[in-house]
N, C-alpha and C. Protein backbone atom coordinates (compact mmCIF):
# COMPACT_ATOMS: atom_id res chain seq x y z
N MET A 1 -10.25 0.66 17.51
CA MET A 1 -9.45 1.47 16.62
C MET A 1 -10.03 1.27 15.26
N SER A 2 -10.26 2.24 14.45
CA SER A 2 -10.48 2.19 13.11
C SER A 2 -9.15 1.78 12.18
N VAL A 3 -9.33 2.18 10.93
CA VAL A 3 -8.08 2.07 10.21
C VAL A 3 -7.29 3.20 10.20
N ARG A 4 -5.98 3.15 10.56
CA ARG A 4 -5.08 4.28 10.36
C ARG A 4 -4.29 4.11 9.28
N PHE A 5 -3.99 5.10 8.44
CA PHE A 5 -2.97 4.92 7.22
C PHE A 5 -1.96 5.99 7.32
N GLU A 6 -0.69 5.60 6.80
CA GLU A 6 0.46 6.21 6.94
C GLU A 6 0.82 6.26 5.31
N THR A 7 1.20 7.37 4.80
CA THR A 7 1.71 7.27 3.41
C THR A 7 2.87 8.26 3.28
N PHE A 8 3.75 7.32 2.44
CA PHE A 8 5.18 7.94 2.03
C PHE A 8 5.04 8.19 0.59
N GLY A 9 5.86 9.09 0.14
CA GLY A 9 6.09 9.23 -1.23
C GLY A 9 5.17 10.09 -1.97
N CYS A 10 4.89 9.69 -3.22
CA CYS A 10 4.26 10.73 -4.14
C CYS A 10 2.97 10.85 -4.04
N ARG A 11 2.44 11.90 -4.88
CA ARG A 11 1.04 12.16 -4.79
C ARG A 11 -0.01 10.94 -5.33
N LEU A 12 0.46 10.23 -5.98
CA LEU A 12 -0.27 9.02 -6.45
C LEU A 12 -0.46 8.34 -5.28
N ASN A 13 0.56 8.06 -4.50
CA ASN A 13 0.30 7.21 -3.20
C ASN A 13 -0.63 8.03 -2.27
N ALA A 14 -0.65 9.37 -2.17
CA ALA A 14 -1.54 9.90 -1.30
C ALA A 14 -3.00 9.91 -2.05
N TYR A 15 -3.18 9.92 -3.19
CA TYR A 15 -4.43 9.55 -3.98
C TYR A 15 -4.82 7.98 -3.57
N GLU A 16 -4.14 7.20 -3.70
CA GLU A 16 -4.18 5.94 -3.41
C GLU A 16 -4.70 5.43 -2.01
N THR A 17 -4.17 6.41 -1.16
CA THR A 17 -4.30 6.06 0.12
C THR A 17 -5.91 6.50 0.41
N GLU A 18 -6.34 7.65 -0.08
CA GLU A 18 -7.67 8.06 0.05
C GLU A 18 -8.53 6.93 -0.62
N ALA A 19 -8.24 6.28 -1.69
CA ALA A 19 -8.98 5.22 -2.29
C ALA A 19 -8.86 4.06 -1.44
N MET A 20 -7.94 3.62 -0.67
CA MET A 20 -7.81 2.58 0.17
C MET A 20 -8.67 2.63 1.40
N ARG A 21 -8.63 4.03 1.99
CA ARG A 21 -9.45 4.46 2.96
C ARG A 21 -11.09 4.22 2.80
N ASP A 22 -11.44 4.45 1.56
CA ASP A 22 -12.74 4.47 1.30
C ASP A 22 -12.94 2.80 0.94
N LEU A 23 -12.17 1.91 0.42
CA LEU A 23 -12.40 0.62 0.30
C LEU A 23 -12.40 -0.05 1.77
N ALA A 24 -11.57 0.29 2.67
CA ALA A 24 -11.61 -0.18 3.93
C ALA A 24 -12.89 -0.07 4.77
N GLU A 25 -13.48 1.28 4.36
CA GLU A 25 -14.67 1.63 5.12
C GLU A 25 -15.50 0.89 4.65
N LYS A 26 -15.80 0.75 3.41
CA LYS A 26 -17.12 -0.04 2.72
C LYS A 26 -16.71 -1.64 3.07
N ALA A 27 -15.51 -1.92 3.42
CA ALA A 27 -15.59 -3.38 3.80
C ALA A 27 -15.79 -3.81 5.33
N GLY A 28 -15.63 -2.43 6.05
CA GLY A 28 -15.84 -2.72 7.52
C GLY A 28 -14.66 -2.93 8.28
N ALA A 29 -13.56 -2.66 7.56
CA ALA A 29 -12.23 -3.15 8.39
C ALA A 29 -12.01 -2.37 9.68
N ARG A 30 -11.22 -2.86 10.60
CA ARG A 30 -11.00 -2.33 11.73
C ARG A 30 -9.68 -2.89 12.33
N ASP A 31 -9.15 -2.14 13.25
CA ASP A 31 -7.79 -2.46 14.04
C ASP A 31 -6.70 -2.89 12.94
N LEU A 32 -6.73 -1.87 12.02
CA LEU A 32 -5.58 -2.04 11.03
C LEU A 32 -4.75 -0.79 10.87
N VAL A 33 -3.59 -0.80 10.80
CA VAL A 33 -2.56 0.26 10.48
C VAL A 33 -2.01 -0.25 9.14
N VAL A 34 -2.34 0.67 8.13
CA VAL A 34 -1.71 0.50 6.81
C VAL A 34 -0.80 1.44 6.40
N VAL A 35 0.42 1.13 5.96
CA VAL A 35 1.48 1.74 5.59
C VAL A 35 1.90 1.74 3.91
N ASN A 36 1.63 2.83 3.32
CA ASN A 36 1.62 2.91 1.82
C ASN A 36 2.99 3.50 1.56
N THR A 37 3.78 2.66 1.31
CA THR A 37 5.49 2.76 1.27
C THR A 37 5.80 3.58 -0.15
N CYS A 38 6.88 3.78 -0.24
CA CYS A 38 7.74 4.46 -1.33
C CYS A 38 9.18 3.77 -1.67
N ALA A 39 9.38 3.67 -2.95
CA ALA A 39 10.75 3.01 -3.18
C ALA A 39 11.60 3.85 -4.03
N VAL A 40 11.36 4.95 -4.10
CA VAL A 40 12.02 5.97 -5.20
C VAL A 40 13.43 6.09 -4.65
N THR A 41 13.72 5.91 -3.36
CA THR A 41 15.16 6.24 -2.88
C THR A 41 15.40 5.07 -1.62
N GLY A 42 16.45 4.83 -1.32
CA GLY A 42 16.95 3.85 -0.19
C GLY A 42 16.44 4.59 1.24
N GLU A 43 16.69 5.85 1.14
CA GLU A 43 16.09 6.56 2.34
C GLU A 43 14.70 6.47 2.47
N ALA A 44 13.88 6.67 1.46
CA ALA A 44 12.37 6.42 1.60
C ALA A 44 11.97 4.91 2.18
N VAL A 45 12.73 3.96 1.83
CA VAL A 45 12.58 2.71 2.21
C VAL A 45 12.90 2.54 3.81
N ARG A 46 14.14 3.15 4.11
CA ARG A 46 14.76 3.04 5.37
C ARG A 46 13.47 3.87 6.37
N GLN A 47 13.03 4.92 5.79
CA GLN A 47 12.06 5.52 6.65
C GLN A 47 10.70 4.78 6.84
N SER A 48 10.37 4.05 5.92
CA SER A 48 9.18 3.42 6.09
C SER A 48 9.38 2.14 7.13
N ARG A 49 10.63 1.58 7.01
CA ARG A 49 10.80 0.42 8.04
C ARG A 49 10.90 1.12 9.38
N GLN A 50 11.47 2.19 9.50
CA GLN A 50 11.67 2.71 10.80
C GLN A 50 10.21 3.12 11.32
N ARG A 51 9.22 3.78 10.62
CA ARG A 51 8.02 4.16 10.89
C ARG A 51 7.31 2.89 11.30
N ILE A 52 7.31 1.81 10.49
CA ILE A 52 6.61 0.72 10.94
C ILE A 52 7.05 0.17 12.16
N ARG A 53 8.25 0.08 12.56
CA ARG A 53 8.68 -0.30 13.90
C ARG A 53 7.87 0.54 15.10
N LYS A 54 7.95 1.80 14.80
CA LYS A 54 7.48 2.70 15.79
C LYS A 54 5.93 2.48 15.74
N LEU A 55 5.18 2.31 14.46
CA LEU A 55 3.94 2.00 14.90
C LEU A 55 3.33 0.78 15.51
N ARG A 56 4.13 -0.25 15.41
CA ARG A 56 4.23 -1.56 16.20
C ARG A 56 4.22 -1.13 17.57
N ARG A 57 5.02 -0.24 18.09
CA ARG A 57 5.12 -0.17 19.52
C ARG A 57 3.92 0.87 19.90
N GLU A 58 3.47 1.82 19.17
CA GLU A 58 2.19 2.49 19.42
C GLU A 58 0.93 1.76 19.24
N ASN A 59 0.86 0.70 18.49
CA ASN A 59 -0.49 -0.05 18.04
C ASN A 59 -0.08 -1.53 18.26
N PRO A 60 0.22 -2.02 19.50
CA PRO A 60 0.54 -3.33 19.71
C PRO A 60 -0.36 -4.43 19.27
N GLU A 61 -1.88 -4.17 19.38
CA GLU A 61 -2.83 -4.95 19.01
C GLU A 61 -3.36 -4.92 17.48
N ALA A 62 -2.84 -3.88 16.99
CA ALA A 62 -3.38 -3.71 15.53
C ALA A 62 -2.75 -4.63 14.66
N GLU A 63 -3.32 -4.85 13.62
CA GLU A 63 -2.70 -5.69 12.34
C GLU A 63 -2.02 -4.65 11.43
N ILE A 64 -0.56 -4.87 11.28
CA ILE A 64 -0.03 -3.90 10.34
C ILE A 64 0.20 -4.53 8.94
N VAL A 65 -0.29 -3.70 8.00
CA VAL A 65 -0.43 -4.04 6.56
C VAL A 65 0.70 -2.97 5.74
N VAL A 66 1.38 -3.73 4.91
CA VAL A 66 2.43 -2.76 4.46
C VAL A 66 2.08 -2.90 2.90
N THR A 67 2.18 -1.88 2.06
CA THR A 67 1.71 -1.82 0.68
C THR A 67 2.49 -0.79 0.15
N GLY A 68 2.30 -0.41 -1.14
CA GLY A 68 3.01 0.52 -1.86
C GLY A 68 4.13 -0.08 -2.57
N CYS A 69 4.85 0.97 -3.24
CA CYS A 69 6.09 0.41 -4.00
C CYS A 69 7.29 -0.22 -3.30
N ALA A 70 7.67 0.40 -2.23
CA ALA A 70 8.64 -0.83 -1.54
C ALA A 70 8.11 -2.18 -1.30
N ALA A 71 6.88 -2.20 -0.81
CA ALA A 71 6.47 -3.45 -0.73
C ALA A 71 6.19 -4.19 -1.81
N GLN A 72 5.96 -3.72 -3.08
CA GLN A 72 5.99 -4.32 -4.38
C GLN A 72 7.17 -4.70 -4.74
N THR A 73 8.16 -3.96 -4.57
CA THR A 73 9.74 -4.21 -5.11
C THR A 73 10.45 -5.17 -4.14
N GLU A 74 10.00 -5.00 -2.80
CA GLU A 74 10.95 -5.77 -1.79
C GLU A 74 9.90 -6.45 -0.80
N PRO A 75 8.89 -7.41 -1.10
CA PRO A 75 8.14 -7.94 -0.39
C PRO A 75 8.81 -8.75 0.79
N GLU A 76 9.79 -9.40 0.37
CA GLU A 76 10.47 -10.18 1.46
C GLU A 76 11.21 -9.45 2.47
N THR A 77 11.46 -8.11 2.14
CA THR A 77 12.22 -7.09 3.18
C THR A 77 11.28 -6.95 4.27
N TYR A 78 9.85 -6.67 3.81
CA TYR A 78 8.92 -6.38 4.87
C TYR A 78 8.27 -7.60 5.43
N ALA A 79 8.29 -8.76 4.67
CA ALA A 79 7.57 -9.93 5.28
C ALA A 79 8.56 -10.43 6.44
N LYS A 80 9.88 -10.04 6.26
CA LYS A 80 10.84 -10.71 7.47
C LYS A 80 10.66 -9.79 8.80
N MET A 81 9.98 -8.61 8.52
CA MET A 81 9.77 -7.74 9.80
C MET A 81 9.02 -8.32 10.77
N GLY A 82 9.25 -8.49 12.07
CA GLY A 82 8.27 -9.10 12.95
C GLY A 82 7.30 -8.23 13.25
N GLU A 83 7.29 -6.97 12.92
CA GLU A 83 6.23 -6.02 13.12
C GLU A 83 5.08 -5.97 12.19
N VAL A 84 5.49 -6.71 11.03
CA VAL A 84 4.38 -6.74 9.88
C VAL A 84 3.71 -7.97 9.89
N ASP A 85 2.36 -7.84 9.61
CA ASP A 85 1.37 -8.84 9.74
C ASP A 85 0.99 -9.30 8.37
N ARG A 86 0.89 -8.23 7.27
CA ARG A 86 0.61 -8.67 5.84
C ARG A 86 1.52 -7.68 4.99
N VAL A 87 1.75 -8.10 3.84
CA VAL A 87 2.19 -7.45 2.81
C VAL A 87 1.50 -7.57 1.38
N ILE A 88 1.05 -6.32 1.06
CA ILE A 88 -0.13 -6.23 -0.02
C ILE A 88 0.80 -5.54 -1.14
N GLY A 89 0.55 -6.15 -2.35
CA GLY A 89 1.15 -5.35 -3.53
C GLY A 89 0.21 -4.29 -4.13
N ASN A 90 0.92 -3.60 -5.04
CA ASN A 90 0.13 -2.39 -5.70
C ASN A 90 -1.12 -2.67 -6.41
N LEU A 91 -1.20 -3.74 -7.08
CA LEU A 91 -2.30 -4.31 -7.65
C LEU A 91 -3.27 -4.77 -6.60
N GLU A 92 -3.05 -5.32 -5.59
CA GLU A 92 -3.83 -5.90 -4.81
C GLU A 92 -4.62 -5.00 -3.88
N LYS A 93 -3.82 -3.84 -3.43
CA LYS A 93 -4.37 -2.89 -2.48
C LYS A 93 -5.44 -2.00 -3.00
N MET A 94 -5.70 -2.15 -4.30
CA MET A 94 -6.82 -1.33 -4.86
C MET A 94 -8.17 -2.31 -5.29
N ARG A 95 -7.92 -3.45 -4.82
CA ARG A 95 -9.03 -4.44 -5.12
C ARG A 95 -10.00 -4.49 -4.02
N PRO A 96 -11.27 -4.28 -4.22
CA PRO A 96 -12.33 -4.46 -2.93
C PRO A 96 -12.23 -5.69 -2.34
N GLU A 97 -11.94 -6.96 -3.00
CA GLU A 97 -11.82 -8.16 -2.25
C GLU A 97 -10.73 -8.06 -1.28
N THR A 98 -9.53 -7.52 -1.63
CA THR A 98 -8.47 -7.37 -0.72
C THR A 98 -9.03 -6.96 0.74
N TRP A 99 -9.72 -5.84 0.65
CA TRP A 99 -10.26 -5.17 1.93
C TRP A 99 -11.19 -5.71 2.52
N ASP A 100 -12.16 -6.82 1.88
CA ASP A 100 -12.89 -7.64 2.30
C ASP A 100 -12.34 -8.79 3.12
N ARG A 101 -11.24 -9.37 2.52
CA ARG A 101 -10.41 -10.13 3.30
C ARG A 101 -9.85 -9.47 4.82
N LEU A 102 -9.31 -8.50 4.42
CA LEU A 102 -8.52 -7.69 5.75
C LEU A 102 -9.45 -7.50 6.74
N ALA A 103 -10.87 -7.20 6.29
CA ALA A 103 -12.03 -6.68 7.32
C ALA A 103 -12.29 -8.49 8.04
N ALA A 104 -12.11 -9.43 7.32
CA ALA A 104 -12.36 -10.72 8.02
C ALA A 104 -11.25 -11.37 7.97
N PRO A 105 -10.30 -11.33 9.07
CA PRO A 105 -8.88 -11.86 8.95
C PRO A 105 -8.90 -13.42 8.80
N ASP A 106 -9.77 -13.90 9.30
CA ASP A 106 -9.91 -15.29 9.33
C ASP A 106 -10.03 -15.99 7.86
N PHE A 107 -10.56 -15.07 6.87
CA PHE A 107 -10.82 -15.41 5.60
C PHE A 107 -9.52 -15.65 4.91
N ILE A 108 -8.36 -14.86 5.32
CA ILE A 108 -7.38 -14.96 4.65
C ILE A 108 -6.48 -15.99 5.49
N GLY A 109 -5.99 -17.15 4.87
CA GLY A 109 -5.24 -17.99 5.81
C GLY A 109 -3.77 -17.52 5.78
N PRO A 110 -3.00 -18.31 6.76
CA PRO A 110 -1.52 -17.86 6.95
C PRO A 110 -0.77 -18.11 5.90
N THR A 111 -1.13 -18.75 4.81
CA THR A 111 -0.18 -18.89 3.63
C THR A 111 -0.37 -17.44 2.70
N GLU A 112 -1.29 -16.72 3.06
CA GLU A 112 -1.49 -15.59 2.02
C GLU A 112 -0.87 -14.27 2.89
N ARG A 113 0.03 -14.48 3.69
CA ARG A 113 0.49 -13.41 4.45
C ARG A 113 1.14 -12.31 3.63
N VAL A 114 1.65 -12.80 2.40
CA VAL A 114 2.18 -11.87 1.51
C VAL A 114 1.31 -12.11 0.14
N ALA A 115 0.84 -11.09 -0.28
CA ALA A 115 -0.12 -11.07 -1.57
C ALA A 115 0.48 -10.05 -2.54
N VAL A 116 1.60 -10.33 -3.40
CA VAL A 116 1.98 -9.51 -4.06
C VAL A 116 2.27 -10.11 -5.51
N ASP A 117 1.57 -9.67 -6.45
CA ASP A 117 1.47 -10.20 -7.85
C ASP A 117 2.51 -9.55 -8.75
N ASP A 118 2.90 -10.03 -9.80
CA ASP A 118 3.61 -9.51 -10.83
C ASP A 118 3.09 -8.14 -11.47
N ILE A 119 3.57 -6.94 -10.92
CA ILE A 119 3.29 -5.75 -11.34
C ILE A 119 3.25 -5.48 -12.99
N LEU A 120 4.41 -6.08 -13.54
CA LEU A 120 4.38 -6.02 -14.86
C LEU A 120 3.56 -6.63 -15.76
N SER A 121 2.67 -7.47 -15.09
CA SER A 121 1.65 -8.24 -15.93
C SER A 121 0.23 -7.34 -16.00
N ALA A 122 0.43 -6.30 -15.23
CA ALA A 122 -0.93 -5.49 -15.09
C ALA A 122 -1.10 -4.75 -16.49
N THR A 123 -2.56 -5.06 -16.80
CA THR A 123 -2.84 -4.32 -18.22
C THR A 123 -3.74 -3.07 -17.94
N GLU A 124 -4.03 -2.82 -16.77
CA GLU A 124 -4.87 -1.62 -16.38
C GLU A 124 -4.37 -1.02 -15.06
N THR A 125 -4.38 0.30 -15.00
CA THR A 125 -3.94 0.94 -13.91
C THR A 125 -4.87 2.19 -13.67
N ALA A 126 -4.83 2.62 -12.40
CA ALA A 126 -5.65 3.80 -11.81
C ALA A 126 -7.13 3.67 -12.27
N GLY A 127 -7.88 2.27 -12.08
CA GLY A 127 -9.14 2.22 -12.18
C GLY A 127 -9.79 2.83 -11.08
N HIS A 128 -9.39 3.17 -9.89
CA HIS A 128 -10.07 3.48 -8.70
C HIS A 128 -10.47 4.98 -8.77
N LEU A 129 -11.53 5.38 -8.06
CA LEU A 129 -11.89 6.74 -7.97
C LEU A 129 -12.32 6.95 -6.47
N ILE A 130 -12.19 8.31 -6.15
CA ILE A 130 -12.49 8.74 -4.81
C ILE A 130 -13.40 9.80 -5.00
N ASP A 131 -14.17 9.86 -3.75
CA ASP A 131 -15.22 10.97 -3.68
C ASP A 131 -14.62 12.18 -3.07
N GLY A 132 -13.67 12.18 -2.22
CA GLY A 132 -13.03 13.23 -1.47
C GLY A 132 -11.71 13.09 -1.26
N PHE A 133 -10.98 14.05 -0.65
CA PHE A 133 -9.55 13.77 -0.47
C PHE A 133 -9.17 14.14 0.81
N GLY A 134 -9.78 13.47 1.87
CA GLY A 134 -9.33 13.64 3.33
C GLY A 134 -9.33 15.16 3.78
N THR A 135 -8.44 15.58 4.41
CA THR A 135 -8.21 16.84 4.87
C THR A 135 -7.75 18.01 3.93
N ARG A 136 -7.49 17.47 2.70
CA ARG A 136 -6.98 18.55 1.72
C ARG A 136 -8.08 19.35 1.15
N ALA A 137 -8.05 20.56 0.95
CA ALA A 137 -8.66 21.53 0.12
C ALA A 137 -8.84 21.34 -1.34
N ARG A 138 -7.84 20.87 -1.85
CA ARG A 138 -7.78 20.46 -3.33
C ARG A 138 -7.43 19.16 -3.56
N ALA A 139 -7.89 18.60 -4.69
CA ALA A 139 -7.58 17.28 -5.07
C ALA A 139 -6.39 17.25 -6.13
N TYR A 140 -5.93 16.34 -6.55
CA TYR A 140 -4.85 15.99 -7.54
C TYR A 140 -5.72 15.72 -8.88
N VAL A 141 -5.22 16.36 -9.93
CA VAL A 141 -5.68 15.82 -11.19
C VAL A 141 -4.53 14.96 -11.68
N GLN A 142 -4.92 13.83 -12.13
CA GLN A 142 -3.85 12.94 -12.99
C GLN A 142 -3.75 13.40 -14.46
N ILE A 143 -2.58 13.37 -14.71
CA ILE A 143 -2.18 14.03 -16.11
C ILE A 143 -1.33 12.97 -16.67
N GLN A 144 -0.59 12.06 -16.10
CA GLN A 144 0.37 11.34 -16.52
C GLN A 144 0.14 9.88 -15.74
N ASN A 145 0.32 8.74 -16.66
CA ASN A 145 0.15 7.43 -15.97
C ASN A 145 1.34 6.76 -15.97
N GLY A 146 2.63 7.34 -16.22
CA GLY A 146 3.76 6.68 -16.09
C GLY A 146 4.63 6.51 -17.19
N CYS A 147 5.54 5.55 -17.43
CA CYS A 147 6.54 5.56 -18.33
C CYS A 147 6.73 4.26 -18.63
N ASP A 148 6.95 3.82 -19.88
CA ASP A 148 7.28 2.39 -20.30
C ASP A 148 8.76 2.22 -20.66
N HIS A 149 9.67 3.06 -20.24
CA HIS A 149 11.04 2.86 -20.32
C HIS A 149 11.33 2.32 -19.15
N ARG A 150 12.47 1.52 -19.28
CA ARG A 150 13.33 0.88 -18.27
C ARG A 150 14.76 1.49 -17.94
N CYS A 151 14.77 2.56 -17.51
CA CYS A 151 16.19 3.15 -17.20
C CYS A 151 16.86 2.52 -16.25
N THR A 152 18.02 2.39 -16.09
CA THR A 152 18.96 1.36 -15.28
C THR A 152 18.69 2.01 -13.78
N PHE A 153 18.53 3.29 -13.73
CA PHE A 153 18.45 3.89 -12.33
C PHE A 153 17.14 4.02 -11.66
N CYS A 154 15.95 3.40 -12.46
CA CYS A 154 14.68 3.93 -12.09
C CYS A 154 14.00 2.60 -11.74
N ILE A 155 13.48 2.50 -10.41
CA ILE A 155 12.78 1.42 -9.82
C ILE A 155 11.27 1.50 -10.10
N ILE A 156 10.77 2.71 -10.52
CA ILE A 156 9.20 3.04 -10.52
C ILE A 156 8.59 1.98 -11.46
N PRO A 157 8.91 1.64 -12.65
CA PRO A 157 8.09 0.38 -13.31
C PRO A 157 8.23 -0.72 -12.62
N TYR A 158 9.10 -0.99 -11.78
CA TYR A 158 8.85 -2.30 -11.06
C TYR A 158 8.02 -2.21 -9.78
N GLY A 159 7.56 -0.98 -9.41
CA GLY A 159 6.70 -0.76 -8.45
C GLY A 159 5.37 -0.36 -8.77
N ARG A 160 5.34 0.30 -10.06
CA ARG A 160 4.08 0.66 -10.59
C ARG A 160 3.66 -0.18 -11.85
N GLY A 161 4.44 -1.03 -12.44
CA GLY A 161 3.97 -1.49 -13.77
C GLY A 161 4.17 -0.66 -14.85
N GLY A 162 3.94 -1.04 -16.13
CA GLY A 162 3.90 -0.41 -17.35
C GLY A 162 2.97 0.61 -17.67
């Protein structure tokens, strides 16, 4: 099995999934199921957990890696799931060295099962580029990088950073 990706949420997640697909391919990763989660609603988080459980049943031998905004904001929730092998933060998922380590699982020790840094310490975002966009005929054009407000109802800055 090669690497399988499941994407929840926004267009940025869809874009990042394509970037991760490229990074995984370049690293030679195999036998991974990567779930790129969304945290914008409680229902999105619930659906991602439900899908992870189903993916484990469908892929009992694969390593399941959870990333995305829900993994960034609730890493302990996913780390406690018996179906999940690794939890990778939004900063880490776009780094080539993360995929190099996932391609050679023995390189990552058991203490690094969860790799989620403080997203609010990020000084640069969206540094990744992709050559294509999977099966889509049109690519997305990024016109907004986010928001520096901290509205009480919004989880996005805690999943994506400033």
